[in-house]
Structures are given as C-alpha cells and as structure tokens.
Amino acid sequence: MKAMKPWQTMMLLLVLLGGGNTVAQTGGRLLLSGSTTMAPLMIEVAKRFQTLHPGIEIQVQLGGSGRGVSDARQGKADIGMVSRNLGEAERDLHAIPIARDGVAMIVHRDNPVRSLSDRQLLDLYTGRIANWRQLGGRDAPLHVLAATPEGGSSELISHYLQLPYEQIKAQRRIGPNAERIAAVAADPQAVIWVSLGEAERMAAAGVPIKLLAVGGVAASSRAVRNGDYPIARPLTLVTRGTPTGAARSFVEFCVSSQITEHILAFDFVPYLD
C-alpha cells in the first residue's frame, strides 16, 4: 500500500477524531499567529476562505514561528503558523504542512559553474572565495550579492549556513526576488539566492539565469516537494488539539487544491501535485 503524504494523514485524522479547539467553537472568529514568512500567504488564503464562509472572521497576527507554537499551545490562537521543522519538545501539537519554501542559488545562464558544495557556499558568503576559477568557473571576479535581511529566504539561508545574517559578506544587498533575478541576468559574474519557485519559472520563461545544484541536489520544485533539496523548510499550521468547527473547516481548506494558486503566487511549493 502506498504511504500517505502528511496532508493526507491529517485529513484522515480530521475525519476520525474530534475535540480540541475551544476558541473556534464560539463560531465566527479565528485567530492565526506566528511566522512572518507565512503571514502574507495566509492573509490571502483567509480572504478566499471568507468568500466561501462569509460568517467567519479571520485575523492573522505576526510574531515569528516561536509565537505560533506558544500561542497555539496556550490557546491564545486557534492556529499557529510555523515556517520550520517542529522540535521534539513541540510534538504535542498537531502539525499540518501546507507547502514548502525553497531557496535557490542563481547565476547567469552563461556561467559554466553548475553546482556548489555546502563548503563552497559558506566560503562564498564569508569572503574566502573571490574568483569564479576557485569554483571551477572562468578566471573572473565574483560579484557576491545577497538578499536584504527581512525576507524569509535570508532567514533560511542564514539557518542553512549556520551563519548569522550580519556576518554574511556581500558586495550589494537587493530586496525583492524580481530585482535579484534582474541583477544576475544583467551580470555574468553575479551570484545570489532567490525564491526557488520564482527562479524556476523565470528561467523557463527565457530569463538568462541558471539555478545551481546545492550539495549534489538539483534545485527544482520537484526536489523540494520530495524533501531531497537541502535549502528548504515546511510551512506548517499547528493546533493544540484536533481542530473542530471553523478551525477544522479552515485547515481542510488549506490542505486542498483550492489554495494552490496562492501558494504559487508567493513562490512556495505546494504539497499537492
């Protein structure tokens, strides 16, 4: 028998079990709190959900994944938003993954370098590598670019490298994904990290960029979905008990294909194929 995916397991639990969320049982209000990475996505999902359930009011509050865990556990929020793997001490919570977030390293399409090891990536952003020849490329200076610190991709890269963001060395820092992609498309010596989903789509559309393999794994949405790609994390909803009432309806909505377009719009990778 084929193993069920995480979202399918949770759907089965929702059908079989009851109990749980006291705030949701009041009927028309839901509070979500936690991950700043997930919040913009969940605001749009909530808007779509409310068009189908106009009697339910949904509020989304930021505060980081840690707040999402603590608020859900203490009953301060109906649903917590967590953009990382749960720790062993957090296994008492029900976790419902709805998407994955991946970050890709990109270079110009004409750059002969095809992959980076973890060591090379760390050396690149700590200033130990200054020439593409050190990475198997041409004899040309590296133009090391970085994303600005407020984005979720910077948090993920920093965590992957085990390097505080303020210690990342770069010649220039750039904000939105689109601007980062444009910078690399215009500079054959540049390298930067961006949302994997957006980079994949822009490369397919003909923008002259290339996604580098990391740690021997090709950067692709499929690799993120399969759990093979290393610079990735789950985007998860957590509840203190098995959700009921409005919370249950919202969670069921979030693990359905009805939110796939929103997930893609925010450059995340759906769990659903």
Protein backbone atom coordinates (compact mmCIF):
# COMPACT_ATOMS: atom_id res chain seq x y z
CA MET A 1 0.00 0.00 0.00
CA LYS A 2 1.37 3.44 -0.94
CA ALA A 3 2.31 5.61 2.08
CA MET A 4 0.14 8.64 2.67
CA LYS A 5 1.55 12.12 2.43
CA PRO A 6 1.48 14.35 5.56
CA TRP A 7 -1.52 16.34 4.40
CA GLN A 8 -3.45 13.14 3.62
CA THR A 9 -2.72 11.77 7.08
CA MET A 10 -4.03 14.94 8.69
CA MET A 11 -7.19 14.85 6.57
CA LEU A 12 -7.83 11.32 7.81
CA LEU A 13 -7.32 12.45 11.41
CA LEU A 14 -9.78 15.29 10.91
CA VAL A 15 -12.39 12.83 9.74
CA LEU A 16 -11.82 10.28 12.50
CA LEU A 17 -11.20 12.46 15.55
CA GLY A 18 -12.97 15.22 17.42
CA GLY A 19 -12.34 17.60 20.29
CA GLY A 20 -9.82 20.36 20.64
CA ASN A 21 -10.04 23.99 19.77
CA THR A 22 -12.16 25.95 22.25
CA VAL A 23 -11.79 29.35 20.56
CA ALA A 24 -13.11 28.04 17.22
CA GLN A 25 -16.18 26.60 18.91
CA THR A 26 -17.51 30.11 19.52
CA GLY A 27 -18.30 30.09 15.82
CA GLY A 28 -17.46 33.08 13.71
CA ARG A 29 -13.88 34.04 14.59
CA LEU A 30 -10.46 32.54 14.03
CA LEU A 31 -7.08 33.84 15.10
CA LEU A 32 -3.86 32.77 13.37
CA SER A 33 -0.47 33.86 14.69
CA GLY A 34 3.19 33.18 14.08
CA SER A 35 5.54 33.01 11.09
CA THR A 36 6.19 36.26 9.25
CA THR A 37 7.07 34.20 6.16
CA MET A 38 3.67 32.53 6.12
CA ALA A 39 1.55 35.53 7.14
CA PRO A 40 1.17 37.17 3.69
CA LEU A 41 0.13 33.83 2.18
CA MET A 42 -2.32 33.10 4.97
CA ILE A 43 -3.90 36.56 4.68
CA GLU A 44 -4.73 35.85 1.04
CA VAL A 45 -5.92 32.33 1.85
CA ALA A 46 -8.13 33.76 4.59
CA LYS A 47 -9.68 36.22 2.13
CA ARG A 48 -10.53 33.38 -0.25
CA PHE A 49 -11.92 31.27 2.60
CA GLN A 50 -14.10 34.15 3.81
CA THR A 51 -15.72 34.50 0.38
CA LEU A 52 -16.94 30.92 0.85
CA HIS A 53 -17.73 31.33 4.56
CA PRO A 54 -18.75 34.99 4.99
CA GLY A 55 -19.85 34.43 8.58
CA ILE A 56 -16.31 33.64 9.75
CA GLU A 57 -13.92 36.44 10.67
CA ILE A 58 -10.21 35.61 10.43
CA GLN A 59 -7.37 37.63 11.93
CA VAL A 60 -3.69 36.99 11.14
CA GLN A 61 -1.02 38.21 13.56
CA LEU A 62 2.75 38.13 13.06
CA GLY A 63 5.38 37.35 15.65
CA GLY A 64 7.56 34.53 14.34
CA SER A 65 7.29 30.75 14.39
CA GLY A 66 8.03 30.61 18.11
CA ARG A 67 4.96 32.70 18.83
CA GLY A 68 2.90 30.46 16.56
CA VAL A 69 3.90 27.45 18.66
CA SER A 70 3.36 29.11 22.04
CA ASP A 71 0.06 30.80 21.09
CA ALA A 72 -1.39 27.55 19.73
CA ARG A 73 -0.21 25.59 22.76
CA GLN A 74 -1.61 28.13 25.24
CA GLY A 75 -4.90 28.58 23.39
CA LYS A 76 -4.16 32.23 22.60
CA ALA A 77 -4.60 31.46 18.90
CA ASP A 78 -6.73 28.90 17.12
CA ILE A 79 -3.94 28.10 14.66
CA GLY A 80 -0.21 28.75 14.79
CA MET A 81 1.92 29.38 11.69
CA VAL A 82 5.36 27.74 11.79
CA SER A 83 7.92 28.00 8.98
CA ARG A 84 10.40 25.43 10.26
CA ASN A 85 10.52 21.83 11.41
CA LEU A 86 8.99 21.25 14.82
CA GLY A 87 11.36 20.29 17.61
CA GLU A 88 10.97 17.19 19.76
CA ALA A 89 9.51 19.29 22.59
CA GLU A 90 6.79 20.54 20.22
CA ARG A 91 5.45 17.16 19.14
CA ASP A 92 2.40 17.58 21.38
CA LEU A 93 0.95 19.90 18.73
CA HIS A 94 -0.94 18.76 15.65
CA ALA A 95 1.15 19.79 12.63
CA ILE A 96 -0.45 20.28 9.22
CA PRO A 97 2.09 21.08 6.45
CA ILE A 98 0.53 23.07 3.63
CA ALA A 99 3.54 24.00 1.47
CA ARG A 100 7.31 24.08 1.30
CA ASP A 101 9.66 27.01 0.92
CA GLY A 102 12.86 26.57 -1.09
CA VAL A 103 15.76 28.91 -1.83
CA ALA A 104 17.97 28.57 -4.91
CA MET A 105 21.39 29.98 -5.71
CA ILE A 106 21.35 31.51 -9.17
CA VAL A 107 23.98 32.69 -11.64
CA HIS A 108 23.89 33.96 -15.22
CA ARG A 109 22.95 31.34 -17.78
CA ASP A 110 26.37 31.64 -19.48
CA ASN A 111 28.28 30.91 -16.27
CA PRO A 112 29.84 27.43 -16.60
CA VAL A 113 29.54 26.66 -12.88
CA ARG A 114 26.71 24.20 -12.31
CA SER A 115 26.79 23.38 -8.60
CA LEU A 116 28.06 24.42 -5.17
CA SER A 117 29.01 22.28 -2.23
CA ASP A 118 27.97 23.34 1.25
CA ARG A 119 31.59 24.32 1.97
CA GLN A 120 31.83 26.41 -1.18
CA LEU A 121 28.57 28.18 -0.38
CA LEU A 122 29.80 29.05 3.10
CA ASP A 123 33.18 30.19 1.79
CA LEU A 124 31.45 32.32 -0.81
CA TYR A 125 29.46 34.25 1.80
CA THR A 126 32.29 34.56 4.30
CA GLY A 127 34.67 36.15 1.80
CA ARG A 128 37.02 33.19 1.40
CA ILE A 129 36.35 32.90 -2.34
CA ALA A 130 36.88 35.88 -4.64
CA ASN A 131 37.24 34.38 -8.13
CA TRP A 132 35.00 32.08 -10.14
CA ARG A 133 38.06 29.97 -11.01
CA GLN A 134 38.05 28.77 -7.37
CA LEU A 135 34.62 27.23 -8.07
CA GLY A 136 35.56 25.63 -11.39
CA GLY A 137 34.50 28.60 -13.49
CA ARG A 138 36.25 31.25 -15.56
CA ASP A 139 39.05 33.46 -14.30
CA ALA A 140 36.77 36.33 -13.34
CA PRO A 141 35.96 38.18 -10.11
CA LEU A 142 32.96 37.03 -8.12
CA HIS A 143 30.19 39.56 -7.66
CA VAL A 144 28.64 38.27 -4.45
CA LEU A 145 25.13 39.58 -3.92
CA ALA A 146 22.76 38.96 -1.02
CA ALA A 147 19.08 39.47 -0.31
CA THR A 148 18.07 42.05 2.28
CA PRO A 149 17.50 40.63 5.78
CA GLU A 150 13.74 41.00 6.13
CA GLY A 151 12.77 38.21 3.71
CA GLY A 152 12.17 34.60 4.62
CA SER A 153 14.81 33.49 2.12
CA SER A 154 17.52 35.28 4.09
CA GLU A 155 16.38 33.59 7.28
CA LEU A 156 16.52 30.21 5.56
CA ILE A 157 19.99 30.77 4.04
CA SER A 158 21.34 32.01 7.36
CA HIS A 159 19.97 28.94 9.12
CA TYR A 160 21.32 26.58 6.44
CA LEU A 161 24.80 28.09 6.59
CA GLN A 162 24.67 28.35 10.40
CA LEU A 163 25.85 31.91 9.86
CA PRO A 164 24.16 34.96 11.42
CA TYR A 165 22.88 37.27 8.69
CA GLU A 166 25.04 40.17 9.87
CA GLN A 167 28.13 38.03 9.22
CA ILE A 168 27.19 37.37 5.58
CA LYS A 169 29.58 39.26 3.29
CA ALA A 170 28.26 40.68 0.05
CA GLN A 171 29.08 43.50 -2.32
CA ARG A 172 25.45 44.52 -2.65
CA ARG A 173 22.14 43.68 -0.97
CA ILE A 174 18.95 43.59 -3.01
CA GLY A 175 15.30 43.41 -1.96
CA PRO A 176 12.54 41.65 -3.94
CA ASN A 177 13.10 38.42 -5.87
CA ALA A 178 12.42 40.14 -9.19
CA GLU A 179 15.19 42.67 -8.58
CA ARG A 180 17.64 39.95 -7.56
CA ILE A 181 16.87 37.93 -10.68
CA ALA A 182 17.28 41.04 -12.86
CA ALA A 183 20.65 41.80 -11.26
CA VAL A 184 22.01 38.32 -12.10
CA ALA A 185 20.51 38.35 -15.60
CA ALA A 186 22.48 41.55 -16.26
CA ASP A 187 25.78 40.41 -14.69
CA PRO A 188 27.62 37.24 -15.82
CA GLN A 189 29.81 37.34 -12.67
CA ALA A 190 26.99 37.67 -10.12
CA VAL A 191 25.55 35.11 -7.71
CA ILE A 192 22.66 35.47 -5.25
CA TRP A 193 19.91 33.49 -3.55
CA VAL A 194 16.25 33.82 -4.53
CA SER A 195 12.96 32.00 -4.15
CA LEU A 196 13.38 28.69 -5.94
CA GLY A 197 9.87 28.75 -7.37
CA GLU A 198 10.23 32.18 -8.96
CA ALA A 199 13.73 31.43 -10.29
CA GLU A 200 12.49 28.20 -11.85
CA ARG A 201 9.62 29.97 -13.60
CA MET A 202 11.76 32.87 -14.82
CA ALA A 203 14.41 30.53 -16.21
CA ALA A 204 11.70 28.56 -18.03
CA ALA A 205 10.36 31.84 -19.44
CA GLY A 206 13.73 32.62 -21.02
CA VAL A 207 15.34 34.93 -18.46
CA PRO A 208 19.12 34.26 -18.72
CA ILE A 209 19.66 32.73 -15.29
CA LYS A 210 20.59 29.26 -14.08
CA LEU A 211 19.76 27.50 -10.81
CA LEU A 212 22.76 25.83 -9.19
CA ALA A 213 22.64 22.41 -7.59
CA VAL A 214 23.49 22.51 -3.88
CA GLY A 215 25.08 19.62 -2.05
CA GLY A 216 24.74 17.48 -5.16
CA VAL A 217 20.96 18.00 -5.47
CA ALA A 218 19.45 19.90 -8.39
CA ALA A 219 17.40 22.95 -7.45
CA SER A 220 13.84 22.17 -8.54
CA SER A 221 10.32 22.30 -7.19
CA ARG A 222 10.15 18.52 -7.52
CA ALA A 223 13.24 18.11 -5.32
CA VAL A 224 11.72 20.48 -2.74
CA ARG A 225 8.42 18.61 -2.78
CA ASN A 226 10.17 15.26 -2.41
CA GLY A 227 12.22 16.52 0.52
CA ASP A 228 15.53 15.98 -1.31
CA TYR A 229 16.60 19.59 -1.78
CA PRO A 230 18.56 20.79 1.26
CA ILE A 231 17.72 24.52 1.42
CA ALA A 232 14.04 24.05 2.13
CA ARG A 233 11.59 24.03 5.02
CA PRO A 234 7.96 23.11 5.59
CA LEU A 235 5.29 25.76 6.04
CA THR A 236 3.06 24.31 8.72
CA LEU A 237 -0.14 25.08 10.59
CA VAL A 238 -0.23 23.86 14.19
CA THR A 239 -3.12 23.40 16.63
CA ARG A 240 -3.30 22.39 20.27
CA GLY A 241 -5.88 19.71 19.67
CA THR A 242 -7.53 18.20 16.65
CA PRO A 243 -9.27 21.22 15.12
CA THR A 244 -13.05 21.45 15.14
CA GLY A 245 -15.65 23.91 13.91
CA ALA A 246 -14.33 26.88 11.96
CA ALA A 247 -10.71 25.85 12.58
CA ARG A 248 -11.36 22.43 11.09
CA SER A 249 -13.04 23.94 8.03
CA PHE A 250 -10.12 26.33 7.54
CA VAL A 251 -7.49 23.60 7.87
CA GLU A 252 -9.35 21.39 5.41
CA PHE A 253 -9.42 24.33 3.00
CA CYS A 254 -5.66 24.86 3.45
CA VAL A 255 -4.79 21.26 2.52
CA SER A 256 -6.93 21.34 -0.60
CA SER A 257 -6.03 22.35 -4.14
CA GLN A 258 -8.13 25.49 -3.69
CA ILE A 259 -5.12 27.37 -2.32
CA THR A 260 -2.54 26.10 -4.82
CA GLU A 261 -2.64 29.27 -6.90
CA HIS A 262 -1.94 31.35 -3.77
CA ILE A 263 0.99 29.11 -2.81
CA LEU A 264 2.48 29.52 -6.28
CA ALA A 265 1.85 33.27 -6.26
CA PHE A 266 4.06 33.57 -3.18
CA ASP A 267 6.72 31.35 -4.81
CA PHE A 268 6.25 28.45 -2.43
CA VAL A 269 5.97 24.80 -3.46
CA PRO A 270 2.63 23.02 -2.91
CA TYR A 271 2.49 19.61 -1.25
CA LEU A 272 -0.28 18.71 -3.67
CA ASP A 273 0.89 17.54 -7.09
